[in-house]
Amino acid sequence: MARRPLVLLALLAMTLAVASAVLGGHSERLGEWGPIPNVKDAHIQELGGWAVQHASLARNGLWFRRVTHGEQQVVSGMNYRLFIDAEDDSGKNAPYLAEVYEQSWTKTRQLKSFKPAAN
């Protein structure tokens, strides 16, 4: 029985270490939304393109241009709110908001929502 508290403490320490590594030294707390430090990062841009591809609107000729800004939330993985510029078949640009959940160590990625962003 004496080992159980030690195992729980070790798991807590590992969880905090992972959260710190995911945050990359940023001051956000677990569960709080904070700005994405570098939306030009290749991974963030790839997430935006993936979101457009997986949105039902993509079947109607919506094309990814770029992620303009966004927020992230550390959970058991990472939630993202991505503001995306996209172009339709007629060449008209429009802003969209995509919410994506990603857990890198399980290779899980889910599109939670994708909708036109309020101007």
PDB file of N, CA and C in Angstrom:
ATOM      1  N   MET A   1       0.810  -1.201   0.000  1.00  0.00           N
ATOM      2  CA  MET A   1       0.000   0.000   0.000  1.00  0.00           C
ATOM      3  C   MET A   1       0.851   1.262   0.000  1.00  0.00           C
ATOM      4  N   ALA A   2       2.033   1.215   0.589  1.00  0.00           N
ATOM      5  CA  ALA A   2       2.880   2.406   0.661  1.00  0.00           C
ATOM      6  C   ALA A   2       3.353   2.838  -0.723  1.00  0.00           C
ATOM      7  N   ARG A   3       3.354   1.953  -1.678  1.00  0.00           N
ATOM      8  CA  ARG A   3       3.816   2.283  -3.029  1.00  0.00           C
ATOM      9  C   ARG A   3       2.793   3.108  -3.798  1.00  0.00           C
ATOM     10  N   ARG A   4       1.523   2.954  -3.479  1.00  0.00           N
ATOM     11  CA  ARG A   4       0.468   3.634  -4.238  1.00  0.00           C
ATOM     12  C   ARG A   4       0.645   5.154  -4.243  1.00  0.00           C
ATOM     13  N   PRO A   5       0.877   5.815  -3.091  1.00  0.00           N
ATOM     14  CA  PRO A   5       1.084   7.278  -3.139  1.00  0.00           C
ATOM     15  C   PRO A   5       2.313   7.670  -3.963  1.00  0.00           C
ATOM     16  N   LEU A   6       3.369   6.856  -3.919  1.00  0.00           N
ATOM     17  CA  LEU A   6       4.562   7.161  -4.696  1.00  0.00           C
ATOM     18  C   LEU A   6       4.287   7.063  -6.187  1.00  0.00           C
ATOM     19  N   VAL A   7       3.511   6.074  -6.586  1.00  0.00           N
ATOM     20  CA  VAL A   7       3.156   5.920  -7.996  1.00  0.00           C
ATOM     21  C   VAL A   7       2.309   7.103  -8.442  1.00  0.00           C
ATOM     22  N   LEU A   8       1.338   7.511  -7.625  1.00  0.00           N
ATOM     23  CA  LEU A   8       0.496   8.654  -7.965  1.00  0.00           C
ATOM     24  C   LEU A   8       1.314   9.937  -8.069  1.00  0.00           C
ATOM     25  N   LEU A   9       2.254  10.134  -7.159  1.00  0.00           N
ATOM     26  CA  LEU A   9       3.124  11.316  -7.222  1.00  0.00           C
ATOM     27  C   LEU A   9       3.987  11.293  -8.478  1.00  0.00           C
ATOM     28  N   ALA A  10       4.480  10.115  -8.838  1.00  0.00           N
ATOM     29  CA  ALA A  10       5.300  10.001 -10.048  1.00  0.00           C
ATOM     30  C   ALA A  10       4.459  10.317 -11.288  1.00  0.00           C
ATOM     31  N   LEU A  11       3.215   9.837 -11.331  1.00  0.00           N
ATOM     32  CA  LEU A  11       2.338  10.140 -12.466  1.00  0.00           C
ATOM     33  C   LEU A  11       2.021  11.624 -12.535  1.00  0.00           C
ATOM     34  N   LEU A  12       1.786  12.244 -11.402  1.00  0.00           N
ATOM     35  CA  LEU A  12       1.530  13.680 -11.371  1.00  0.00           C
ATOM     36  C   LEU A  12       2.746  14.453 -11.867  1.00  0.00           C
ATOM     37  N   ALA A  13       3.916  14.069 -11.432  1.00  0.00           N
ATOM     38  CA  ALA A  13       5.139  14.743 -11.868  1.00  0.00           C
ATOM     39  C   ALA A  13       5.342  14.602 -13.374  1.00  0.00           C
ATOM     40  N   MET A  14       5.068  13.411 -13.917  1.00  0.00           N
ATOM     41  CA  MET A  14       5.210  13.207 -15.361  1.00  0.00           C
ATOM     42  C   MET A  14       4.191  14.038 -16.128  1.00  0.00           C
ATOM     43  N   THR A  15       2.965  14.115 -15.620  1.00  0.00           N
ATOM     44  CA  THR A  15       1.934  14.915 -16.274  1.00  0.00           C
ATOM     45  C   THR A  15       2.337  16.381 -16.317  1.00  0.00           C
ATOM     46  N   LEU A  16       2.837  16.897 -15.217  1.00  0.00           N
ATOM     47  CA  LEU A  16       3.276  18.289 -15.174  1.00  0.00           C
ATOM     48  C   LEU A  16       4.463  18.528 -16.095  1.00  0.00           C
ATOM     49  N   ALA A  17       5.359  17.573 -16.184  1.00  0.00           N
ATOM     50  CA  ALA A  17       6.511  17.714 -17.079  1.00  0.00           C
ATOM     51  C   ALA A  17       6.065  17.752 -18.534  1.00  0.00           C
ATOM     52  N   VAL A  18       5.111  16.886 -18.900  1.00  0.00           N
ATOM     53  CA  VAL A  18       4.596  16.880 -20.268  1.00  0.00           C
ATOM     54  C   VAL A  18       3.899  18.195 -20.562  1.00  0.00           C
ATOM     55  N   ALA A  19       3.070  18.658 -19.634  1.00  0.00           N
ATOM     56  CA  ALA A  19       2.363  19.930 -19.842  1.00  0.00           C
ATOM     57  C   ALA A  19       3.345  21.074 -20.015  1.00  0.00           C
ATOM     58  N   SER A  20       4.402  21.082 -19.235  1.00  0.00           N
ATOM     59  CA  SER A  20       5.410  22.130 -19.358  1.00  0.00           C
ATOM     60  C   SER A  20       6.104  22.065 -20.713  1.00  0.00           C
ATOM     61  N   ALA A  21       6.393  20.859 -21.170  1.00  0.00           N
ATOM     62  CA  ALA A  21       7.041  20.705 -22.475  1.00  0.00           C
ATOM     63  C   ALA A  21       6.118  21.139 -23.596  1.00  0.00           C
ATOM     64  N   VAL A  22       4.824  20.798 -23.501  1.00  0.00           N
ATOM     65  CA  VAL A  22       3.862  21.186 -24.529  1.00  0.00           C
ATOM     66  C   VAL A  22       3.726  22.695 -24.575  1.00  0.00           C
ATOM     67  N   LEU A  23       3.694  23.316 -23.417  1.00  0.00           N
ATOM     68  CA  LEU A  23       3.569  24.767 -23.366  1.00  0.00           C
ATOM     69  C   LEU A  23       4.835  25.471 -23.852  1.00  0.00           C
ATOM     70  N   GLY A  24       5.939  24.784 -23.835  1.00  0.00           N
ATOM     71  CA  GLY A  24       7.183  25.381 -24.302  1.00  0.00           C
ATOM     72  C   GLY A  24       7.594  26.580 -23.471  1.00  0.00           C
ATOM     73  N   GLY A  25       7.310  26.525 -22.167  1.00  0.00           N
ATOM     74  CA  GLY A  25       7.717  27.611 -21.294  1.00  0.00           C
ATOM     75  C   GLY A  25       6.745  28.765 -21.247  1.00  0.00           C
ATOM     76  N   HIS A  26       5.574  28.664 -21.880  1.00  0.00           N
ATOM     77  CA  HIS A  26       4.595  29.736 -21.839  1.00  0.00           C
ATOM     78  C   HIS A  26       3.876  29.711 -20.504  1.00  0.00           C
ATOM     79  N   SER A  27       3.291  30.813 -20.132  1.00  0.00           N
ATOM     80  CA  SER A  27       2.726  30.943 -18.805  1.00  0.00           C
ATOM     81  C   SER A  27       1.270  30.506 -18.698  1.00  0.00           C
ATOM     82  N   GLU A  28       0.662  29.987 -19.764  1.00  0.00           N
ATOM     83  CA  GLU A  28      -0.714  29.541 -19.675  1.00  0.00           C
ATOM     84  C   GLU A  28      -0.810  28.381 -18.684  1.00  0.00           C
ATOM     85  N   ARG A  29      -1.935  28.323 -17.997  1.00  0.00           N
ATOM     86  CA  ARG A  29      -2.195  27.202 -17.111  1.00  0.00           C
ATOM     87  C   ARG A  29      -2.988  26.162 -17.868  1.00  0.00           C
ATOM     88  N   LEU A  30      -2.931  24.929 -17.363  1.00  0.00           N
ATOM     89  CA  LEU A  30      -3.719  23.862 -17.975  1.00  0.00           C
ATOM     90  C   LEU A  30      -5.171  24.293 -18.042  1.00  0.00           C
ATOM     91  N   GLY A  31      -5.792  24.108 -19.188  1.00  0.00           N
ATOM     92  CA  GLY A  31      -7.200  24.429 -19.362  1.00  0.00           C
ATOM     93  C   GLY A  31      -7.489  25.859 -19.775  1.00  0.00           C
ATOM     94  N   GLU A  32      -6.520  26.747 -19.710  1.00  0.00           N
ATOM     95  CA  GLU A  32      -6.741  28.141 -20.113  1.00  0.00           C
ATOM     96  C   GLU A  32      -6.357  28.329 -21.575  1.00  0.00           C
ATOM     97  N   TRP A  33      -7.116  29.184 -22.259  1.00  0.00           N
ATOM     98  CA  TRP A  33      -6.793  29.525 -23.636  1.00  0.00           C
ATOM     99  C   TRP A  33      -5.744  30.621 -23.648  1.00  0.00           C
ATOM    100  N   GLY A  34      -4.796  30.502 -24.561  1.00  0.00           N
ATOM    101  CA  GLY A  34      -3.778  31.523 -24.744  1.00  0.00           C
ATOM    102  C   GLY A  34      -3.448  31.646 -26.219  1.00  0.00           C
ATOM    103  N   PRO A  35      -2.824  32.735 -26.612  1.00  0.00           N
ATOM    104  CA  PRO A  35      -2.496  32.924 -28.028  1.00  0.00           C
ATOM    105  C   PRO A  35      -1.475  31.895 -28.513  1.00  0.00           C
ATOM    106  N   ILE A  36      -1.583  31.529 -29.767  1.00  0.00           N
ATOM    107  CA  ILE A  36      -0.566  30.676 -30.380  1.00  0.00           C
ATOM    108  C   ILE A  36       0.641  31.563 -30.613  1.00  0.00           C
ATOM    109  N   PRO A  37       1.795  31.207 -30.050  1.00  0.00           N
ATOM    110  CA  PRO A  37       2.971  32.091 -30.131  1.00  0.00           C
ATOM    111  C   PRO A  37       3.424  32.407 -31.551  1.00  0.00           C
ATOM    112  N   ASN A  38       3.323  31.437 -32.462  1.00  0.00           N
ATOM    113  CA  ASN A  38       3.816  31.651 -33.822  1.00  0.00           C
ATOM    114  C   ASN A  38       2.876  30.958 -34.808  1.00  0.00           C
ATOM    115  N   VAL A  39       1.892  31.692 -35.316  1.00  0.00           N
ATOM    116  CA  VAL A  39       0.945  31.070 -36.252  1.00  0.00           C
ATOM    117  C   VAL A  39       1.588  30.753 -37.595  1.00  0.00           C
ATOM    118  N   LYS A  40       2.766  31.289 -37.862  1.00  0.00           N
ATOM    119  CA  LYS A  40       3.474  30.963 -39.104  1.00  0.00           C
ATOM    120  C   LYS A  40       4.185  29.617 -39.017  1.00  0.00           C
ATOM    121  N   ASP A  41       4.193  29.013 -37.829  1.00  0.00           N
ATOM    122  CA  ASP A  41       4.806  27.707 -37.634  1.00  0.00           C
ATOM    123  C   ASP A  41       4.192  26.705 -38.613  1.00  0.00           C
ATOM    124  N   ALA A  42       5.019  25.883 -39.208  1.00  0.00           N
ATOM    125  CA  ALA A  42       4.564  24.931 -40.226  1.00  0.00           C
ATOM    126  C   ALA A  42       3.476  24.001 -39.696  1.00  0.00           C
ATOM    127  N   HIS A  43       3.586  23.584 -38.456  1.00  0.00           N
ATOM    128  CA  HIS A  43       2.578  22.679 -37.884  1.00  0.00           C
ATOM    129  C   HIS A  43       1.216  23.367 -37.785  1.00  0.00           C
ATOM    130  N   ILE A  44       1.194  24.621 -37.371  1.00  0.00           N
ATOM    131  CA  ILE A  44      -0.062  25.366 -37.242  1.00  0.00           C
ATOM    132  C   ILE A  44      -0.692  25.565 -38.622  1.00  0.00           C
ATOM    133  N   GLN A  45       0.111  25.908 -39.612  1.00  0.00           N
ATOM    134  CA  GLN A  45      -0.407  26.081 -40.969  1.00  0.00           C
ATOM    135  C   GLN A  45      -0.936  24.749 -41.521  1.00  0.00           C
ATOM    136  N   GLU A  46      -0.229  23.665 -41.227  1.00  0.00           N
ATOM    137  CA  GLU A  46      -0.672  22.342 -41.675  1.00  0.00           C
ATOM    138  C   GLU A  46      -2.003  21.981 -41.020  1.00  0.00           C
ATOM    139  N   LEU A  47      -2.169  22.304 -39.731  1.00  0.00           N
ATOM    140  CA  LEU A  47      -3.437  22.052 -39.039  1.00  0.00           C
ATOM    141  C   LEU A  47      -4.586  22.808 -39.709  1.00  0.00           C
ATOM    142  N   GLY A  48      -4.328  24.051 -40.093  1.00  0.00           N
ATOM    143  CA  GLY A  48      -5.348  24.840 -40.781  1.00  0.00           C
ATOM    144  C   GLY A  48      -5.754  24.215 -42.102  1.00  0.00           C
ATOM    145  N   GLY A  49      -4.777  23.784 -42.884  1.00  0.00           N
ATOM    146  CA  GLY A  49      -5.070  23.118 -44.154  1.00  0.00           C
ATOM    147  C   GLY A  49      -5.831  21.823 -43.949  1.00  0.00           C
ATOM    148  N   TRP A  50      -5.439  21.062 -42.924  1.00  0.00           N
ATOM    149  CA  TRP A  50      -6.124  19.815 -42.596  1.00  0.00           C
ATOM    150  C   TRP A  50      -7.579  20.096 -42.234  1.00  0.00           C
ATOM    151  N   ALA A  51      -7.818  21.149 -41.447  1.00  0.00           N
ATOM    152  CA  ALA A  51      -9.186  21.495 -41.035  1.00  0.00           C
ATOM    153  C   ALA A  51     -10.055  21.823 -42.243  1.00  0.00           C
ATOM    154  N   VAL A  52      -9.521  22.590 -43.180  1.00  0.00           N
ATOM    155  CA  VAL A  52     -10.295  22.931 -44.382  1.00  0.00           C
ATOM    156  C   VAL A  52     -10.592  21.665 -45.188  1.00  0.00           C
ATOM    157  N   GLN A  53      -9.623  20.790 -45.339  1.00  0.00           N
ATOM    158  CA  GLN A  53      -9.834  19.548 -46.087  1.00  0.00           C
ATOM    159  C   GLN A  53     -10.916  18.675 -45.453  1.00  0.00           C
ATOM    160  N   HIS A  54     -10.990  18.691 -44.128  1.00  0.00           N
ATOM    161  CA  HIS A  54     -11.931  17.816 -43.438  1.00  0.00           C
ATOM    162  C   HIS A  54     -13.291  18.468 -43.191  1.00  0.00           C
ATOM    163  N   ALA A  55     -13.438  19.718 -43.519  1.00  0.00           N
ATOM    164  CA  ALA A  55     -14.729  20.396 -43.387  1.00  0.00           C
ATOM    165  C   ALA A  55     -15.602  20.035 -44.575  1.00  0.00           C
ATOM    166  N   SER A  56     -16.872  19.909 -44.349  1.00  0.00           N
ATOM    167  CA  SER A  56     -17.775  19.565 -45.452  1.00  0.00           C
ATOM    168  C   SER A  56     -17.777  20.648 -46.517  1.00  0.00           C
ATOM    169  N   LEU A  57     -17.446  21.879 -46.142  1.00  0.00           N
ATOM    170  CA  LEU A  57     -17.396  22.969 -47.116  1.00  0.00           C
ATOM    171  C   LEU A  57     -16.307  22.752 -48.157  1.00  0.00           C
ATOM    172  N   ALA A  58     -15.283  21.983 -47.812  1.00  0.00           N
ATOM    173  CA  ALA A  58     -14.185  21.747 -48.751  1.00  0.00           C
ATOM    174  C   ALA A  58     -14.688  21.014 -49.991  1.00  0.00           C
ATOM    175  N   ARG A  59     -15.706  20.206 -49.834  1.00  0.00           N
ATOM    176  CA  ARG A  59     -16.266  19.489 -50.981  1.00  0.00           C
ATOM    177  C   ARG A  59     -16.960  20.455 -51.933  1.00  0.00           C
ATOM    178  N   ASN A  60     -17.250  21.635 -51.429  1.00  0.00           N
ATOM    179  CA  ASN A  60     -17.905  22.653 -52.259  1.00  0.00           C
ATOM    180  C   ASN A  60     -16.898  23.656 -52.811  1.00  0.00           C
ATOM    181  N   GLY A  61     -15.634  23.277 -52.870  1.00  0.00           N
ATOM    182  CA  GLY A  61     -14.634  24.117 -53.502  1.00  0.00           C
ATOM    183  C   GLY A  61     -14.014  25.174 -52.620  1.00  0.00           C
ATOM    184  N   LEU A  62     -13.836  24.890 -51.342  1.00  0.00           N
ATOM    185  CA  LEU A  62     -13.174  25.819 -50.432  1.00  0.00           C
ATOM    186  C   LEU A  62     -11.700  25.442 -50.355  1.00  0.00           C
ATOM    187  N   TRP A  63     -10.827  26.429 -50.503  1.00  0.00           N
ATOM    188  CA  TRP A  63      -9.392  26.182 -50.533  1.00  0.00           C
ATOM    189  C   TRP A  63      -8.699  26.941 -49.412  1.00  0.00           C
ATOM    190  N   PHE A  64      -7.818  26.257 -48.714  1.00  0.00           N
ATOM    191  CA  PHE A  64      -7.034  26.843 -47.625  1.00  0.00           C
ATOM    192  C   PHE A  64      -6.027  27.845 -48.166  1.00  0.00           C
ATOM    193  N   ARG A  65      -5.934  29.005 -47.524  1.00  0.00           N
ATOM    194  CA  ARG A  65      -4.894  29.982 -47.849  1.00  0.00           C
ATOM    195  C   ARG A  65      -3.878  30.064 -46.718  1.00  0.00           C
ATOM    196  N   ARG A  66      -4.364  30.366 -45.476  1.00  0.00           N
ATOM    197  CA  ARG A  66      -3.430  30.463 -44.346  1.00  0.00           C
ATOM    198  C   ARG A  66      -4.194  30.603 -43.040  1.00  0.00           C
ATOM    199  N   VAL A  67      -3.514  30.273 -41.951  1.00  0.00           N
ATOM    200  CA  VAL A  67      -4.007  30.574 -40.608  1.00  0.00           C
ATOM    201  C   VAL A  67      -3.505  31.972 -40.288  1.00  0.00           C
ATOM    202  N   THR A  68      -4.409  32.863 -39.886  1.00  0.00           N
ATOM    203  CA  THR A  68      -4.018  34.246 -39.604  1.00  0.00           C
ATOM    204  C   THR A  68      -3.720  34.478 -38.129  1.00  0.00           C
ATOM    205  N   HIS A  69      -4.451  33.822 -37.254  1.00  0.00           N
ATOM    206  CA  HIS A  69      -4.198  33.891 -35.819  1.00  0.00           C
ATOM    207  C   HIS A  69      -4.972  32.785 -35.135  1.00  0.00           C
ATOM    208  N   GLY A  70      -4.726  32.617 -33.851  1.00  0.00           N
ATOM    209  CA  GLY A  70      -5.424  31.548 -33.156  1.00  0.00           C
ATOM    210  C   GLY A  70      -5.075  31.485 -31.692  1.00  0.00           C
ATOM    211  N   GLU A  71      -5.730  30.543 -31.039  1.00  0.00           N
ATOM    212  CA  GLU A  71      -5.516  30.300 -29.617  1.00  0.00           C
ATOM    213  C   GLU A  71      -5.309  28.806 -29.411  1.00  0.00           C
ATOM    214  N   GLN A  72      -4.682  28.475 -28.285  1.00  0.00           N
ATOM    215  CA  GLN A  72      -4.472  27.078 -27.933  1.00  0.00           C
ATOM    216  C   GLN A  72      -4.816  26.863 -26.469  1.00  0.00           C
ATOM    217  N   GLN A  73      -5.199  25.631 -26.149  1.00  0.00           N
ATOM    218  CA  GLN A  73      -5.578  25.261 -24.798  1.00  0.00           C
ATOM    219  C   GLN A  73      -4.981  23.905 -24.502  1.00  0.00           C
ATOM    220  N   VAL A  74      -4.174  23.836 -23.444  1.00  0.00           N
ATOM    221  CA  VAL A  74      -3.580  22.563 -23.054  1.00  0.00           C
ATOM    222  C   VAL A  74      -4.617  21.771 -22.269  1.00  0.00           C
ATOM    223  N   VAL A  75      -4.912  20.594 -22.774  1.00  0.00           N
ATOM    224  CA  VAL A  75      -5.786  19.640 -22.108  1.00  0.00           C
ATOM    225  C   VAL A  75      -5.015  18.324 -22.135  1.00  0.00           C
ATOM    226  N   SER A  76      -5.651  17.212 -22.245  1.00  0.00           N
ATOM    227  CA  SER A  76      -4.933  15.965 -22.466  1.00  0.00           C
ATOM    228  C   SER A  76      -4.641  15.916 -23.965  1.00  0.00           C
ATOM    229  N   GLY A  77      -3.730  16.744 -24.379  1.00  0.00           N
ATOM    230  CA  GLY A  77      -3.462  17.035 -25.780  1.00  0.00           C
ATOM    231  C   GLY A  77      -3.555  18.537 -25.934  1.00  0.00           C
ATOM    232  N   MET A  78      -4.032  19.007 -27.081  1.00  0.00           N
ATOM    233  CA  MET A  78      -4.134  20.447 -27.322  1.00  0.00           C
ATOM    234  C   MET A  78      -5.391  20.743 -28.122  1.00  0.00           C
ATOM    235  N   ASN A  79      -6.133  21.741 -27.666  1.00  0.00           N
ATOM    236  CA  ASN A  79      -7.238  22.289 -28.435  1.00  0.00           C
ATOM    237  C   ASN A  79      -6.733  23.530 -29.139  1.00  0.00           C
ATOM    238  N   TYR A  80      -7.184  23.737 -30.364  1.00  0.00           N
ATOM    239  CA  TYR A  80      -6.810  24.919 -31.132  1.00  0.00           C
ATOM    240  C   TYR A  80      -8.068  25.609 -31.646  1.00  0.00           C
ATOM    241  N   ARG A  81      -8.069  26.924 -31.610  1.00  0.00           N
ATOM    242  CA  ARG A  81      -9.038  27.753 -32.324  1.00  0.00           C
ATOM    243  C   ARG A  81      -8.231  28.471 -33.397  1.00  0.00           C
ATOM    244  N   LEU A  82      -8.485  28.121 -34.631  1.00  0.00           N
ATOM    245  CA  LEU A  82      -7.705  28.662 -35.737  1.00  0.00           C
ATOM    246  C   LEU A  82      -8.572  29.562 -36.606  1.00  0.00           C
ATOM    247  N   PHE A  83      -8.115  30.774 -36.818  1.00  0.00           N
ATOM    248  CA  PHE A  83      -8.786  31.692 -37.732  1.00  0.00           C
ATOM    249  C   PHE A  83      -8.092  31.553 -39.079  1.00  0.00           C
ATOM    250  N   ILE A  84      -8.875  31.147 -40.056  1.00  0.00           N
ATOM    251  CA  ILE A  84      -8.344  30.718 -41.349  1.00  0.00           C
ATOM    252  C   ILE A  84      -8.883  31.593 -42.469  1.00  0.00           C
ATOM    253  N   ASP A  85      -7.997  31.994 -43.368  1.00  0.00           N
ATOM    254  CA  ASP A  85      -8.417  32.605 -44.630  1.00  0.00           C
ATOM    255  C   ASP A  85      -8.567  31.480 -45.636  1.00  0.00           C
ATOM    256  N   ALA A  86      -9.714  31.442 -46.303  1.00  0.00           N
ATOM    257  CA  ALA A  86      -9.951  30.427 -47.322  1.00  0.00           C
ATOM    258  C   ALA A  86     -10.565  31.100 -48.542  1.00  0.00           C
ATOM    259  N   GLU A  87     -10.468  30.423 -49.654  1.00  0.00           N
ATOM    260  CA  GLU A  87     -10.958  30.956 -50.933  1.00  0.00           C
ATOM    261  C   GLU A  87     -11.955  29.976 -51.537  1.00  0.00           C
ATOM    262  N   ASP A  88     -13.064  30.509 -52.069  1.00  0.00           N
ATOM    263  CA  ASP A  88     -14.043  29.627 -52.709  1.00  0.00           C
ATOM    264  C   ASP A  88     -13.769  29.524 -54.209  1.00  0.00           C
ATOM    265  N   ASP A  89     -14.599  28.767 -54.906  1.00  0.00           N
ATOM    266  CA  ASP A  89     -14.410  28.542 -56.350  1.00  0.00           C
ATOM    267  C   ASP A  89     -14.405  29.827 -57.166  1.00  0.00           C
ATOM    268  N   SER A  90     -15.107  30.844 -56.693  1.00  0.00           N
ATOM    269  CA  SER A  90     -15.180  32.098 -57.440  1.00  0.00           C
ATOM    270  C   SER A  90     -13.992  33.013 -57.158  1.00  0.00           C
ATOM    271  N   GLY A  91     -13.092  32.581 -56.256  1.00  0.00           N
ATOM    272  CA  GLY A  91     -11.927  33.387 -55.924  1.00  0.00           C
ATOM    273  C   GLY A  91     -12.155  34.349 -54.771  1.00  0.00           C
ATOM    274  N   LYS A  92     -13.328  34.286 -54.160  1.00  0.00           N
ATOM    275  CA  LYS A  92     -13.646  35.164 -53.039  1.00  0.00           C
ATOM    276  C   LYS A  92     -13.021  34.619 -51.752  1.00  0.00           C
ATOM    277  N   ASN A  93     -12.320  35.505 -51.022  1.00  0.00           N
ATOM    278  CA  ASN A  93     -11.722  35.133 -49.741  1.00  0.00           C
ATOM    279  C   ASN A  93     -12.714  35.351 -48.624  1.00  0.00           C
ATOM    280  N   ALA A  94     -12.677  34.481 -47.634  1.00  0.00           N
ATOM    281  CA  ALA A  94     -13.551  34.609 -46.481  1.00  0.00           C
ATOM    282  C   ALA A  94     -12.860  34.021 -45.252  1.00  0.00           C
ATOM    283  N   PRO A  95     -13.132  34.589 -44.065  1.00  0.00           N
ATOM    284  CA  PRO A  95     -12.545  34.054 -42.834  1.00  0.00           C
ATOM    285  C   PRO A  95     -13.401  32.924 -42.257  1.00  0.00           C
ATOM    286  N   TYR A  96     -12.738  31.930 -41.715  1.00  0.00           N
ATOM    287  CA  TYR A  96     -13.401  30.796 -41.067  1.00  0.00           C
ATOM    288  C   TYR A  96     -12.745  30.543 -39.722  1.00  0.00           C
ATOM    289  N   LEU A  97     -13.516  29.931 -38.831  1.00  0.00           N
ATOM    290  CA  LEU A  97     -13.016  29.532 -37.519  1.00  0.00           C
ATOM    291  C   LEU A  97     -13.083  28.016 -37.442  1.00  0.00           C
ATOM    292  N   ALA A  98     -11.928  27.399 -37.200  1.00  0.00           N
ATOM    293  CA  ALA A  98     -11.859  25.948 -37.037  1.00  0.00           C
ATOM    294  C   ALA A  98     -11.439  25.646 -35.608  1.00  0.00           C
ATOM    295  N   GLU A  99     -12.100  24.670 -35.013  1.00  0.00           N
ATOM    296  CA  GLU A  99     -11.694  24.171 -33.701  1.00  0.00           C
ATOM    297  C   GLU A  99     -11.205  22.747 -33.887  1.00  0.00           C
ATOM    298  N   VAL A 100      -9.953  22.527 -33.499  1.00  0.00           N
ATOM    299  CA  VAL A 100      -9.287  21.246 -33.719  1.00  0.00           C
ATOM    300  C   VAL A 100      -8.733  20.742 -32.397  1.00  0.00           C
ATOM    301  N   TYR A 101      -8.888  19.445 -32.163  1.00  0.00           N
ATOM    302  CA  TYR A 101      -8.260  18.780 -31.014  1.00  0.00           C
ATOM    303  C   TYR A 101      -7.168  17.877 -31.554  1.00  0.00           C
ATOM    304  N   GLU A 102      -6.013  17.922 -30.897  1.00  0.00           N
ATOM    305  CA  GLU A 102      -4.892  17.075 -31.326  1.00  0.00           C
ATOM    306  C   GLU A 102      -4.192  16.494 -30.111  1.00  0.00           C
ATOM    307  N   GLN A 103      -3.894  15.205 -30.201  1.00  0.00           N
ATOM    308  CA  GLN A 103      -3.097  14.528 -29.177  1.00  0.00           C
ATOM    309  C   GLN A 103      -1.961  13.833 -29.922  1.00  0.00           C
ATOM    310  N   SER A 104      -0.791  14.462 -29.890  1.00  0.00           N
ATOM    311  CA  SER A 104       0.316  14.020 -30.741  1.00  0.00           C
ATOM    312  C   SER A 104       0.808  12.615 -30.419  1.00  0.00           C
ATOM    313  N   TRP A 105       0.847  12.236 -29.157  1.00  0.00           N
ATOM    314  CA  TRP A 105       1.416  10.944 -28.799  1.00  0.00           C
ATOM    315  C   TRP A 105       0.518   9.773 -29.175  1.00  0.00           C
ATOM    316  N   THR A 106      -0.766  10.018 -29.448  1.00  0.00           N
ATOM    317  CA  THR A 106      -1.644   8.951 -29.933  1.00  0.00           C
ATOM    318  C   THR A 106      -1.993   9.154 -31.409  1.00  0.00           C
ATOM    319  N   LYS A 107      -1.445  10.209 -31.993  1.00  0.00           N
ATOM    320  CA  LYS A 107      -1.715  10.569 -33.391  1.00  0.00           C
ATOM    321  C   LYS A 107      -3.219  10.791 -33.626  1.00  0.00           C
ATOM    322  N   THR A 108      -3.868  11.383 -32.629  1.00  0.00           N
ATOM    323  CA  THR A 108      -5.292  11.691 -32.705  1.00  0.00           C
ATOM    324  C   THR A 108      -5.468  13.128 -33.165  1.00  0.00           C
ATOM    325  N   ARG A 109      -6.395  13.314 -34.074  1.00  0.00           N
ATOM    326  CA  ARG A 109      -6.736  14.659 -34.553  1.00  0.00           C
ATOM    327  C   ARG A 109      -8.220  14.661 -34.891  1.00  0.00           C
ATOM    328  N   GLN A 110      -8.954  15.646 -34.331  1.00  0.00           N
ATOM    329  CA  GLN A 110     -10.394  15.728 -34.577  1.00  0.00           C
ATOM    330  C   GLN A 110     -10.779  17.157 -34.906  1.00  0.00           C
ATOM    331  N   LEU A 111     -11.605  17.299 -35.924  1.00  0.00           N
ATOM    332  CA  LEU A 111     -12.175  18.598 -36.257  1.00  0.00           C
ATOM    333  C   LEU A 111     -13.456  18.738 -35.447  1.00  0.00           C
ATOM    334  N   LYS A 112     -13.442  19.639 -34.476  1.00  0.00           N
ATOM    335  CA  LYS A 112     -14.598  19.832 -33.591  1.00  0.00           C
ATOM    336  C   LYS A 112     -15.659  20.719 -34.233  1.00  0.00           C
ATOM    337  N   SER A 113     -15.228  21.765 -34.923  1.00  0.00           N
ATOM    338  CA  SER A 113     -16.172  22.624 -35.640  1.00  0.00           C
ATOM    339  C   SER A 113     -15.441  23.404 -36.712  1.00  0.00           C
ATOM    340  N   PHE A 114     -16.196  23.828 -37.699  1.00  0.00           N
ATOM    341  CA  PHE A 114     -15.668  24.634 -38.782  1.00  0.00           C
ATOM    342  C   PHE A 114     -16.817  25.498 -39.285  1.00  0.00           C
ATOM    343  N   LYS A 115     -16.664  26.812 -39.170  1.00  0.00           N
ATOM    344  CA  LYS A 115     -17.766  27.710 -39.553  1.00  0.00           C
ATOM    345  C   LYS A 115     -17.210  29.050 -39.983  1.00  0.00           C
ATOM    346  N   PRO A 116     -18.020  29.813 -40.694  1.00  0.00           N
ATOM    347  CA  PRO A 116     -17.578  31.169 -41.045  1.00  0.00           C
ATOM    348  C   PRO A 116     -17.304  31.970 -39.770  1.00  0.00           C
ATOM    349  N   ALA A 117     -16.225  32.723 -39.790  1.00  0.00           N
ATOM    350  CA  ALA A 117     -15.871  33.547 -38.633  1.00  0.00           C
ATOM    351  C   ALA A 117     -16.617  34.873 -38.710  1.00  0.00           C
ATOM    352  N   ALA A 118     -16.989  35.377 -37.554  1.00  0.00           N
ATOM    353  CA  ALA A 118     -17.632  36.693 -37.512  1.00  0.00           C
ATOM    354  C   ALA A 118     -16.607  37.741 -37.881  1.00  0.00           C
ATOM    355  N   ASN A 119     -17.014  38.666 -38.702  1.00  0.00           N
ATOM    356  CA  ASN A 119     -16.087  39.730 -39.138  1.00  0.00           C
ATOM    357  C   ASN A 119     -15.846  40.672 -38.043  1.00  0.00           C
TER     358      ASN A 119
END
